[in-house]
Amino acid sequence: MSDPTRPDAALADLPTISPYTVVRLNEAQFYLAPATIGEHVAAGLRTLLRESDRGPVLILGTLWLLARRRLSSGAQAPSVIRPARSHRRRVRVWPDHPAAS
């Protein structure tokens, strides 16, 4: 049996994600940057956000600045980064809020 790559594992798990789930993509460039499969992961994430019966879900990803620059420029930018911006929301947690500790 082979060990799946990060994008392969994400693609396999995306259809099984149920409501009230947090999807954490640590160093998201490893999921989004591989040319063809990264596009499939991005499309799967967009589908997850659009399908109202599968939400609410939270997709949380970390991304190094250099990786963000690479993903948001060049051929990958339109299909991977730009569509995701329409779903992006900024949430501020105040220091005295229970979730801040």
PDB file of N, CA and C in Angstrom:
ATOM      1  N   MET A   1       0.844  -1.164   0.000  1.00  0.00           N
ATOM      2  CA  MET A   1       0.000   0.000   0.000  1.00  0.00           C
ATOM      3  C   MET A   1       0.894   1.233   0.000  1.00  0.00           C
ATOM      4  N   SER A   2       0.550   2.232  -0.795  1.00  0.00           N
ATOM      5  CA  SER A   2       1.366   3.437  -0.871  1.00  0.00           C
ATOM      6  C   SER A   2       0.847   4.489   0.093  1.00  0.00           C
ATOM      7  N   ASP A   3       1.741   5.365   0.517  1.00  0.00           N
ATOM      8  CA  ASP A   3       1.396   6.456   1.412  1.00  0.00           C
ATOM      9  C   ASP A   3       0.964   7.636   0.546  1.00  0.00           C
ATOM     10  N   PRO A   4      -0.272   8.132   0.691  1.00  0.00           N
ATOM     11  CA  PRO A   4      -0.734   9.226  -0.179  1.00  0.00           C
ATOM     12  C   PRO A   4      -0.023  10.540   0.156  1.00  0.00           C
ATOM     13  N   THR A   5       0.120  11.381  -0.842  1.00  0.00           N
ATOM     14  CA  THR A   5       0.667  12.708  -0.611  1.00  0.00           C
ATOM     15  C   THR A   5      -0.389  13.552   0.084  1.00  0.00           C
ATOM     16  N   ARG A   6      -0.016  14.726   0.560  1.00  0.00           N
ATOM     17  CA  ARG A   6      -0.993  15.603   1.216  1.00  0.00           C
ATOM     18  C   ARG A   6      -2.173  15.915   0.298  1.00  0.00           C
ATOM     19  N   PRO A   7      -1.925  16.319  -0.959  1.00  0.00           N
ATOM     20  CA  PRO A   7      -3.079  16.608  -1.816  1.00  0.00           C
ATOM     21  C   PRO A   7      -3.927  15.372  -2.099  1.00  0.00           C
ATOM     22  N   ASP A   8      -3.293  14.223  -2.274  1.00  0.00           N
ATOM     23  CA  ASP A   8      -4.052  12.991  -2.510  1.00  0.00           C
ATOM     24  C   ASP A   8      -4.956  12.671  -1.326  1.00  0.00           C
ATOM     25  N   ALA A   9      -4.413  12.802  -0.124  1.00  0.00           N
ATOM     26  CA  ALA A   9      -5.197  12.530   1.080  1.00  0.00           C
ATOM     27  C   ALA A   9      -6.349  13.529   1.219  1.00  0.00           C
ATOM     28  N   ALA A  10      -6.083  14.795   0.915  1.00  0.00           N
ATOM     29  CA  ALA A  10      -7.138  15.815   1.000  1.00  0.00           C
ATOM     30  C   ALA A  10      -8.258  15.506   0.014  1.00  0.00           C
ATOM     31  N   LEU A  11      -7.902  15.161  -1.216  1.00  0.00           N
ATOM     32  CA  LEU A  11      -8.915  14.836  -2.222  1.00  0.00           C
ATOM     33  C   LEU A  11      -9.756  13.644  -1.792  1.00  0.00           C
ATOM     34  N   ALA A  12      -9.123  12.667  -1.182  1.00  0.00           N
ATOM     35  CA  ALA A  12      -9.858  11.484  -0.740  1.00  0.00           C
ATOM     36  C   ALA A  12     -10.819  11.815   0.398  1.00  0.00           C
ATOM     37  N   ASP A  13     -10.424  12.759   1.270  1.00  0.00           N
ATOM     38  CA  ASP A  13     -11.245  13.074   2.442  1.00  0.00           C
ATOM     39  C   ASP A  13     -12.297  14.151   2.198  1.00  0.00           C
ATOM     40  N   LEU A  14     -12.132  14.996   1.206  1.00  0.00           N
ATOM     41  CA  LEU A  14     -13.080  16.095   0.981  1.00  0.00           C
ATOM     42  C   LEU A  14     -14.534  15.641   0.881  1.00  0.00           C
ATOM     43  N   PRO A  15     -14.840  14.562   0.169  1.00  0.00           N
ATOM     44  CA  PRO A  15     -16.249  14.143   0.066  1.00  0.00           C
ATOM     45  C   PRO A  15     -16.851  13.672   1.389  1.00  0.00           C
ATOM     46  N   THR A  16     -16.028  13.349   2.368  1.00  0.00           N
ATOM     47  CA  THR A  16     -16.540  12.817   3.636  1.00  0.00           C
ATOM     48  C   THR A  16     -16.738  13.897   4.700  1.00  0.00           C
ATOM     49  N   ILE A  17     -16.420  15.129   4.393  1.00  0.00           N
ATOM     50  CA  ILE A  17     -16.517  16.208   5.383  1.00  0.00           C
ATOM     51  C   ILE A  17     -17.976  16.559   5.630  1.00  0.00           C
ATOM     52  N   SER A  18     -18.325  16.584   6.906  1.00  0.00           N
ATOM     53  CA  SER A  18     -19.708  16.858   7.292  1.00  0.00           C
ATOM     54  C   SER A  18     -19.812  18.250   7.920  1.00  0.00           C
ATOM     55  N   PRO A  19     -21.046  18.719   8.149  1.00  0.00           N
ATOM     56  CA  PRO A  19     -21.233  20.033   8.769  1.00  0.00           C
ATOM     57  C   PRO A  19     -20.531  20.135  10.124  1.00  0.00           C
ATOM     58  N   TYR A  20     -20.208  21.371  10.489  1.00  0.00           N
ATOM     59  CA  TYR A  20     -19.558  21.701  11.753  1.00  0.00           C
ATOM     60  C   TYR A  20     -18.161  21.092  11.851  1.00  0.00           C
ATOM     61  N   THR A  21     -17.462  21.097  10.724  1.00  0.00           N
ATOM     62  CA  THR A  21     -16.105  20.565  10.660  1.00  0.00           C
ATOM     63  C   THR A  21     -15.130  21.701  10.382  1.00  0.00           C
ATOM     64  N   VAL A  22     -13.959  21.618  11.005  1.00  0.00           N
ATOM     65  CA  VAL A  22     -12.861  22.539  10.706  1.00  0.00           C
ATOM     66  C   VAL A  22     -11.853  21.768   9.867  1.00  0.00           C
ATOM     67  N   VAL A  23     -11.563  22.293   8.670  1.00  0.00           N
ATOM     68  CA  VAL A  23     -10.562  21.703   7.786  1.00  0.00           C
ATOM     69  C   VAL A  23      -9.303  22.537   7.945  1.00  0.00           C
ATOM     70  N   ARG A  24      -8.256  21.939   8.462  1.00  0.00           N
ATOM     71  CA  ARG A  24      -7.009  22.673   8.688  1.00  0.00           C
ATOM     72  C   ARG A  24      -5.970  22.202   7.675  1.00  0.00           C
ATOM     73  N   LEU A  25      -5.503  23.151   6.871  1.00  0.00           N
ATOM     74  CA  LEU A  25      -4.460  22.869   5.886  1.00  0.00           C
ATOM     75  C   LEU A  25      -3.178  23.542   6.364  1.00  0.00           C
ATOM     76  N   ASN A  26      -2.375  22.807   7.121  1.00  0.00           N
ATOM     77  CA  ASN A  26      -1.112  23.340   7.598  1.00  0.00           C
ATOM     78  C   ASN A  26      -0.153  23.433   6.413  1.00  0.00           C
ATOM     79  N   GLU A  27       0.385  24.616   6.192  1.00  0.00           N
ATOM     80  CA  GLU A  27       1.232  24.897   5.030  1.00  0.00           C
ATOM     81  C   GLU A  27       0.477  24.541   3.743  1.00  0.00           C
ATOM     82  N   ALA A  28      -0.549  25.319   3.496  1.00  0.00           N
ATOM     83  CA  ALA A  28      -1.491  25.073   2.401  1.00  0.00           C
ATOM     84  C   ALA A  28      -0.827  24.955   1.033  1.00  0.00           C
ATOM     85  N   GLN A  29       0.365  25.517   0.880  1.00  0.00           N
ATOM     86  CA  GLN A  29       1.035  25.415  -0.416  1.00  0.00           C
ATOM     87  C   GLN A  29       1.291  23.962  -0.816  1.00  0.00           C
ATOM     88  N   PHE A  30       1.426  23.078   0.155  1.00  0.00           N
ATOM     89  CA  PHE A  30       1.645  21.667  -0.174  1.00  0.00           C
ATOM     90  C   PHE A  30       0.383  21.011  -0.722  1.00  0.00           C
ATOM     91  N   TYR A  31      -0.767  21.593  -0.449  1.00  0.00           N
ATOM     92  CA  TYR A  31      -2.040  21.082  -0.969  1.00  0.00           C
ATOM     93  C   TYR A  31      -2.420  21.761  -2.287  1.00  0.00           C
ATOM     94  N   LEU A  32      -2.066  23.037  -2.429  1.00  0.00           N
ATOM     95  CA  LEU A  32      -2.529  23.826  -3.568  1.00  0.00           C
ATOM     96  C   LEU A  32      -1.506  23.997  -4.685  1.00  0.00           C
ATOM     97  N   ALA A  33      -0.240  23.863  -4.383  1.00  0.00           N
ATOM     98  CA  ALA A  33       0.791  24.164  -5.372  1.00  0.00           C
ATOM     99  C   ALA A  33       1.029  23.082  -6.421  1.00  0.00           C
ATOM    100  N   PRO A  34       0.949  21.801  -6.111  1.00  0.00           N
ATOM    101  CA  PRO A  34       1.188  20.839  -7.191  1.00  0.00           C
ATOM    102  C   PRO A  34       0.201  21.078  -8.334  1.00  0.00           C
ATOM    103  N   ALA A  35       0.714  21.357  -9.502  1.00  0.00           N
ATOM    104  CA  ALA A  35      -0.070  21.875 -10.631  1.00  0.00           C
ATOM    105  C   ALA A  35      -1.463  21.283 -10.786  1.00  0.00           C
ATOM    106  N   THR A  36      -1.594  20.087 -11.270  1.00  0.00           N
ATOM    107  CA  THR A  36      -2.916  19.540 -11.575  1.00  0.00           C
ATOM    108  C   THR A  36      -3.694  19.160 -10.323  1.00  0.00           C
ATOM    109  N   ILE A  37      -3.078  18.448  -9.426  1.00  0.00           N
ATOM    110  CA  ILE A  37      -3.804  17.990  -8.240  1.00  0.00           C
ATOM    111  C   ILE A  37      -4.148  19.160  -7.318  1.00  0.00           C
ATOM    112  N   GLY A  38      -3.311  20.195  -7.275  1.00  0.00           N
ATOM    113  CA  GLY A  38      -3.610  21.384  -6.485  1.00  0.00           C
ATOM    114  C   GLY A  38      -4.877  22.069  -6.967  1.00  0.00           C
ATOM    115  N   GLU A  39      -5.072  22.065  -8.281  1.00  0.00           N
ATOM    116  CA  GLU A  39      -6.289  22.637  -8.852  1.00  0.00           C
ATOM    117  C   GLU A  39      -7.513  21.821  -8.413  1.00  0.00           C
ATOM    118  N   HIS A  40      -7.372  20.518  -8.342  1.00  0.00           N
ATOM    119  CA  HIS A  40      -8.483  19.661  -7.911  1.00  0.00           C
ATOM    120  C   HIS A  40      -8.801  19.888  -6.432  1.00  0.00           C
ATOM    121  N   VAL A  41      -7.765  20.052  -5.613  1.00  0.00           N
ATOM    122  CA  VAL A  41      -7.986  20.331  -4.190  1.00  0.00           C
ATOM    123  C   VAL A  41      -8.711  21.665  -4.032  1.00  0.00           C
ATOM    124  N   ALA A  42      -8.242  22.694  -4.743  1.00  0.00           N
ATOM    125  CA  ALA A  42      -8.890  24.014  -4.670  1.00  0.00           C
ATOM    126  C   ALA A  42     -10.352  23.926  -5.104  1.00  0.00           C
ATOM    127  N   ALA A  43     -10.611  23.193  -6.174  1.00  0.00           N
ATOM    128  CA  ALA A  43     -11.991  23.033  -6.648  1.00  0.00           C
ATOM    129  C   ALA A  43     -12.838  22.295  -5.616  1.00  0.00           C
ATOM    130  N   GLY A  44     -12.271  21.278  -4.981  1.00  0.00           N
ATOM    131  CA  GLY A  44     -12.995  20.542  -3.954  1.00  0.00           C
ATOM    132  C   GLY A  44     -13.316  21.408  -2.746  1.00  0.00           C
ATOM    133  N   LEU A  45     -12.386  22.281  -2.375  1.00  0.00           N
ATOM    134  CA  LEU A  45     -12.628  23.198  -1.257  1.00  0.00           C
ATOM    135  C   LEU A  45     -13.716  24.203  -1.605  1.00  0.00           C
ATOM    136  N   ARG A  46     -13.688  24.718  -2.830  1.00  0.00           N
ATOM    137  CA  ARG A  46     -14.733  25.657  -3.260  1.00  0.00           C
ATOM    138  C   ARG A  46     -16.099  24.968  -3.259  1.00  0.00           C
ATOM    139  N   THR A  47     -16.156  23.746  -3.729  1.00  0.00           N
ATOM    140  CA  THR A  47     -17.410  22.990  -3.736  1.00  0.00           C
ATOM    141  C   THR A  47     -17.914  22.793  -2.316  1.00  0.00           C
ATOM    142  N   LEU A  48     -17.020  22.455  -1.409  1.00  0.00           N
ATOM    143  CA  LEU A  48     -17.396  22.267  -0.011  1.00  0.00           C
ATOM    144  C   LEU A  48     -18.015  23.538   0.558  1.00  0.00           C
ATOM    145  N   LEU A  49     -17.467  24.693   0.222  1.00  0.00           N
ATOM    146  CA  LEU A  49     -17.997  25.962   0.725  1.00  0.00           C
ATOM    147  C   LEU A  49     -19.331  26.333   0.080  1.00  0.00           C
ATOM    148  N   ARG A  50     -19.539  25.917  -1.147  1.00  0.00           N
ATOM    149  CA  ARG A  50     -20.757  26.288  -1.879  1.00  0.00           C
ATOM    150  C   ARG A  50     -21.949  25.410  -1.567  1.00  0.00           C
ATOM    151  N   GLU A  51     -21.733  24.167  -1.185  1.00  0.00           N
ATOM    152  CA  GLU A  51     -22.835  23.231  -0.952  1.00  0.00           C
ATOM    153  C   GLU A  51     -23.418  23.474   0.434  1.00  0.00           C
ATOM    154  N   SER A  52     -24.579  24.119   0.471  1.00  0.00           N
ATOM    155  CA  SER A  52     -25.165  24.539   1.742  1.00  0.00           C
ATOM    156  C   SER A  52     -25.501  23.363   2.663  1.00  0.00           C
ATOM    157  N   ASP A  53     -25.796  22.203   2.123  1.00  0.00           N
ATOM    158  CA  ASP A  53     -26.141  21.062   2.966  1.00  0.00           C
ATOM    159  C   ASP A  53     -24.933  20.453   3.666  1.00  0.00           C
ATOM    160  N   ARG A  54     -23.718  20.875   3.286  1.00  0.00           N
ATOM    161  CA  ARG A  54     -22.505  20.332   3.907  1.00  0.00           C
ATOM    162  C   ARG A  54     -21.928  21.284   4.938  1.00  0.00           C
ATOM    163  N   GLY A  55     -22.528  22.441   5.107  1.00  0.00           N
ATOM    164  CA  GLY A  55     -21.986  23.432   6.019  1.00  0.00           C
ATOM    165  C   GLY A  55     -22.806  23.558   7.273  1.00  0.00           C
ATOM    166  N   PRO A  56     -22.342  24.356   8.180  1.00  0.00           N
ATOM    167  CA  PRO A  56     -21.181  25.220   8.028  1.00  0.00           C
ATOM    168  C   PRO A  56     -19.871  24.450   8.233  1.00  0.00           C
ATOM    169  N   VAL A  57     -18.864  24.891   7.507  1.00  0.00           N
ATOM    170  CA  VAL A  57     -17.508  24.377   7.675  1.00  0.00           C
ATOM    171  C   VAL A  57     -16.565  25.575   7.736  1.00  0.00           C
ATOM    172  N   LEU A  58     -15.433  25.362   8.347  1.00  0.00           N
ATOM    173  CA  LEU A  58     -14.381  26.367   8.402  1.00  0.00           C
ATOM    174  C   LEU A  58     -13.149  25.765   7.759  1.00  0.00           C
ATOM    175  N   ILE A  59     -12.602  26.459   6.768  1.00  0.00           N
ATOM    176  CA  ILE A  59     -11.347  26.029   6.156  1.00  0.00           C
ATOM    177  C   ILE A  59     -10.287  26.998   6.624  1.00  0.00           C
ATOM    178  N   LEU A  60      -9.312  26.472   7.337  1.00  0.00           N
ATOM    179  CA  LEU A  60      -8.247  27.272   7.927  1.00  0.00           C
ATOM    180  C   LEU A  60      -6.925  26.784   7.373  1.00  0.00           C
ATOM    181  N   GLY A  61      -6.198  27.671   6.722  1.00  0.00           N
ATOM    182  CA  GLY A  61      -4.921  27.284   6.148  1.00  0.00           C
ATOM    183  C   GLY A  61      -3.823  28.232   6.551  1.00  0.00           C
ATOM    184  N   THR A  62      -2.636  27.677   6.740  1.00  0.00           N
ATOM    185  CA  THR A  62      -1.456  28.505   6.970  1.00  0.00           C
ATOM    186  C   THR A  62      -0.652  28.524   5.684  1.00  0.00           C
ATOM    187  N   LEU A  63       0.003  29.639   5.457  1.00  0.00           N
ATOM    188  CA  LEU A  63       0.729  29.804   4.200  1.00  0.00           C
ATOM    189  C   LEU A  63       1.886  30.763   4.424  1.00  0.00           C
ATOM    190  N   TRP A  64       3.071  30.350   4.077  1.00  0.00           N
ATOM    191  CA  TRP A  64       4.232  31.232   4.160  1.00  0.00           C
ATOM    192  C   TRP A  64       4.081  32.339   3.124  1.00  0.00           C
ATOM    193  N   LEU A  65       4.599  33.515   3.429  1.00  0.00           N
ATOM    194  CA  LEU A  65       4.474  34.666   2.544  1.00  0.00           C
ATOM    195  C   LEU A  65       5.028  34.367   1.153  1.00  0.00           C
ATOM    196  N   LEU A  66       6.189  33.760   1.076  1.00  0.00           N
ATOM    197  CA  LEU A  66       6.785  33.447  -0.226  1.00  0.00           C
ATOM    198  C   LEU A  66       5.891  32.490  -1.015  1.00  0.00           C
ATOM    199  N   ALA A  67       5.318  31.506  -0.333  1.00  0.00           N
ATOM    200  CA  ALA A  67       4.413  30.567  -1.009  1.00  0.00           C
ATOM    201  C   ALA A  67       3.157  31.279  -1.490  1.00  0.00           C
ATOM    202  N   ARG A  68       2.649  32.212  -0.686  1.00  0.00           N
ATOM    203  CA  ARG A  68       1.475  32.983  -1.102  1.00  0.00           C
ATOM    204  C   ARG A  68       1.773  33.776  -2.359  1.00  0.00           C
ATOM    205  N   ARG A  69       2.948  34.383  -2.398  1.00  0.00           N
ATOM    206  CA  ARG A  69       3.325  35.148  -3.593  1.00  0.00           C
ATOM    207  C   ARG A  69       3.414  34.250  -4.819  1.00  0.00           C
ATOM    208  N   ARG A  70       3.965  33.064  -4.647  1.00  0.00           N
ATOM    209  CA  ARG A  70       4.075  32.132  -5.781  1.00  0.00           C
ATOM    210  C   ARG A  70       2.699  31.678  -6.255  1.00  0.00           C
ATOM    211  N   LEU A  71       1.820  31.382  -5.306  1.00  0.00           N
ATOM    212  CA  LEU A  71       0.484  30.909  -5.672  1.00  0.00           C
ATOM    213  C   LEU A  71      -0.386  32.006  -6.277  1.00  0.00           C
ATOM    214  N   SER A  72      -0.152  33.247  -5.863  1.00  0.00           N
ATOM    215  CA  SER A  72      -1.022  34.322  -6.347  1.00  0.00           C
ATOM    216  C   SER A  72      -0.477  35.023  -7.584  1.00  0.00           C
ATOM    217  N   SER A  73       0.610  34.530  -8.126  1.00  0.00           N
ATOM    218  CA  SER A  73       1.122  35.065  -9.380  1.00  0.00           C
ATOM    219  C   SER A  73       1.294  33.916 -10.366  1.00  0.00           C
ATOM    220  N   GLY A  74       1.273  34.226 -11.619  1.00  0.00           N
ATOM    221  CA  GLY A  74       1.490  33.199 -12.625  1.00  0.00           C
ATOM    222  C   GLY A  74       0.237  32.428 -12.979  1.00  0.00           C
ATOM    223  N   ALA A  75       0.452  31.279 -13.591  1.00  0.00           N
ATOM    224  CA  ALA A  75      -0.644  30.507 -14.162  1.00  0.00           C
ATOM    225  C   ALA A  75      -1.610  29.951 -13.122  1.00  0.00           C
ATOM    226  N   GLN A  76      -1.139  29.674 -11.887  1.00  0.00           N
ATOM    227  CA  GLN A  76      -2.020  29.074 -10.887  1.00  0.00           C
ATOM    228  C   GLN A  76      -2.970  30.083 -10.263  1.00  0.00           C
ATOM    229  N   ALA A  77      -2.661  31.357 -10.326  1.00  0.00           N
ATOM    230  CA  ALA A  77      -3.428  32.372  -9.588  1.00  0.00           C
ATOM    231  C   ALA A  77      -4.930  32.366  -9.872  1.00  0.00           C
ATOM    232  N   PRO A  78      -5.374  32.376 -11.110  1.00  0.00           N
ATOM    233  CA  PRO A  78      -6.819  32.470 -11.328  1.00  0.00           C
ATOM    234  C   PRO A  78      -7.613  31.298 -10.774  1.00  0.00           C
ATOM    235  N   SER A  79      -7.092  30.099 -10.851  1.00  0.00           N
ATOM    236  CA  SER A  79      -7.884  28.944 -10.463  1.00  0.00           C
ATOM    237  C   SER A  79      -7.701  28.525  -9.015  1.00  0.00           C
ATOM    238  N   VAL A  80      -6.628  28.933  -8.373  1.00  0.00           N
ATOM    239  CA  VAL A  80      -6.387  28.479  -7.013  1.00  0.00           C
ATOM    240  C   VAL A  80      -6.658  29.570  -5.987  1.00  0.00           C
ATOM    241  N   ILE A  81      -6.066  30.728  -6.134  1.00  0.00           N
ATOM    242  CA  ILE A  81      -6.151  31.762  -5.107  1.00  0.00           C
ATOM    243  C   ILE A  81      -7.332  32.705  -5.311  1.00  0.00           C
ATOM    244  N   ARG A  82      -7.499  33.260  -6.477  1.00  0.00           N
ATOM    245  CA  ARG A  82      -8.516  34.300  -6.664  1.00  0.00           C
ATOM    246  C   ARG A  82      -9.936  33.845  -6.357  1.00  0.00           C
ATOM    247  N   PRO A  83     -10.395  32.671  -6.803  1.00  0.00           N
ATOM    248  CA  PRO A  83     -11.763  32.286  -6.446  1.00  0.00           C
ATOM    249  C   PRO A  83     -11.952  32.104  -4.944  1.00  0.00           C
ATOM    250  N   ALA A  84     -10.922  31.680  -4.248  1.00  0.00           N
ATOM    251  CA  ALA A  84     -11.031  31.483  -2.805  1.00  0.00           C
ATOM    252  C   ALA A  84     -11.242  32.798  -2.078  1.00  0.00           C
ATOM    253  N   ARG A  85     -10.778  33.893  -2.646  1.00  0.00           N
ATOM    254  CA  ARG A  85     -10.939  35.187  -1.994  1.00  0.00           C
ATOM    255  C   ARG A  85     -12.398  35.561  -1.820  1.00  0.00           C
ATOM    256  N   SER A  86     -13.273  35.093  -2.679  1.00  0.00           N
ATOM    257  CA  SER A  86     -14.686  35.441  -2.547  1.00  0.00           C
ATOM    258  C   SER A  86     -15.314  34.795  -1.317  1.00  0.00           C
ATOM    259  N   HIS A  87     -14.695  33.747  -0.774  1.00  0.00           N
ATOM    260  CA  HIS A  87     -15.217  33.055   0.403  1.00  0.00           C
ATOM    261  C   HIS A  87     -14.498  33.478   1.681  1.00  0.00           C
ATOM    262  N   ARG A  88     -13.442  34.237   1.546  1.00  0.00           N
ATOM    263  CA  ARG A  88     -12.615  34.594   2.697  1.00  0.00           C
ATOM    264  C   ARG A  88     -13.350  35.591   3.585  1.00  0.00           C
ATOM    265  N   ARG A  89     -13.288  35.354   4.868  1.00  0.00           N
ATOM    266  CA  ARG A  89     -13.880  36.259   5.842  1.00  0.00           C
ATOM    267  C   ARG A  89     -12.866  36.492   6.950  1.00  0.00           C
ATOM    268  N   ARG A  90     -12.774  37.721   7.410  1.00  0.00           N
ATOM    269  CA  ARG A  90     -11.897  38.035   8.529  1.00  0.00           C
ATOM    270  C   ARG A  90     -12.723  38.000   9.803  1.00  0.00           C
ATOM    271  N   VAL A  91     -12.211  37.305  10.800  1.00  0.00           N
ATOM    272  CA  VAL A  91     -12.894  37.199  12.075  1.00  0.00           C
ATOM    273  C   VAL A  91     -11.957  37.750  13.144  1.00  0.00           C
ATOM    274  N   ARG A  92     -12.447  38.712  13.885  1.00  0.00           N
ATOM    275  CA  ARG A  92     -11.643  39.292  14.955  1.00  0.00           C
ATOM    276  C   ARG A  92     -12.112  38.715  16.285  1.00  0.00           C
ATOM    277  N   VAL A  93     -11.169  38.207  17.053  1.00  0.00           N
ATOM    278  CA  VAL A  93     -11.453  37.709  18.398  1.00  0.00           C
ATOM    279  C   VAL A  93     -10.810  38.682  19.367  1.00  0.00           C
ATOM    280  N   TRP A  94     -11.620  39.286  20.212  1.00  0.00           N
ATOM    281  CA  TRP A  94     -11.132  40.277  21.164  1.00  0.00           C
ATOM    282  C   TRP A  94     -10.364  39.579  22.271  1.00  0.00           C
ATOM    283  N   PRO A  95      -9.337  40.249  22.826  1.00  0.00           N
ATOM    284  CA  PRO A  95      -8.492  39.632  23.862  1.00  0.00           C
ATOM    285  C   PRO A  95      -9.258  39.106  25.065  1.00  0.00           C
ATOM    286  N   ASP A  96     -10.388  39.711  25.414  1.00  0.00           N
ATOM    287  CA  ASP A  96     -11.132  39.245  26.588  1.00  0.00           C
ATOM    288  C   ASP A  96     -12.196  38.198  26.234  1.00  0.00           C
ATOM    289  N   HIS A  97     -12.273  37.812  24.969  1.00  0.00           N
ATOM    290  CA  HIS A  97     -13.224  36.782  24.546  1.00  0.00           C
ATOM    291  C   HIS A  97     -12.706  35.413  24.967  1.00  0.00           C
ATOM    292  N   PRO A  98     -13.569  34.495  25.415  1.00  0.00           N
ATOM    293  CA  PRO A  98     -13.119  33.160  25.869  1.00  0.00           C
ATOM    294  C   PRO A  98     -12.340  32.400  24.802  1.00  0.00           C
ATOM    295  N   ALA A  99     -12.625  32.632  23.516  1.00  0.00           N
ATOM    296  CA  ALA A  99     -11.919  31.900  22.459  1.00  0.00           C
ATOM    297  C   ALA A  99     -10.486  32.402  22.274  1.00  0.00           C
ATOM    298  N   ALA A 100     -10.148  33.555  22.846  1.00  0.00           N
ATOM    299  CA  ALA A 100      -8.805  34.109  22.674  1.00  0.00           C
ATOM    300  C   ALA A 100      -7.779  33.443  23.567  1.00  0.00           C
ATOM    301  N   SER A 101      -8.209  32.693  24.571  1.00  0.00           N
ATOM    302  CA  SER A 101      -7.241  32.067  25.477  1.00  0.00           C
ATOM    303  C   SER A 101      -7.007  30.609  25.158  1.00  0.00           C
TER     304      SER A 101
END
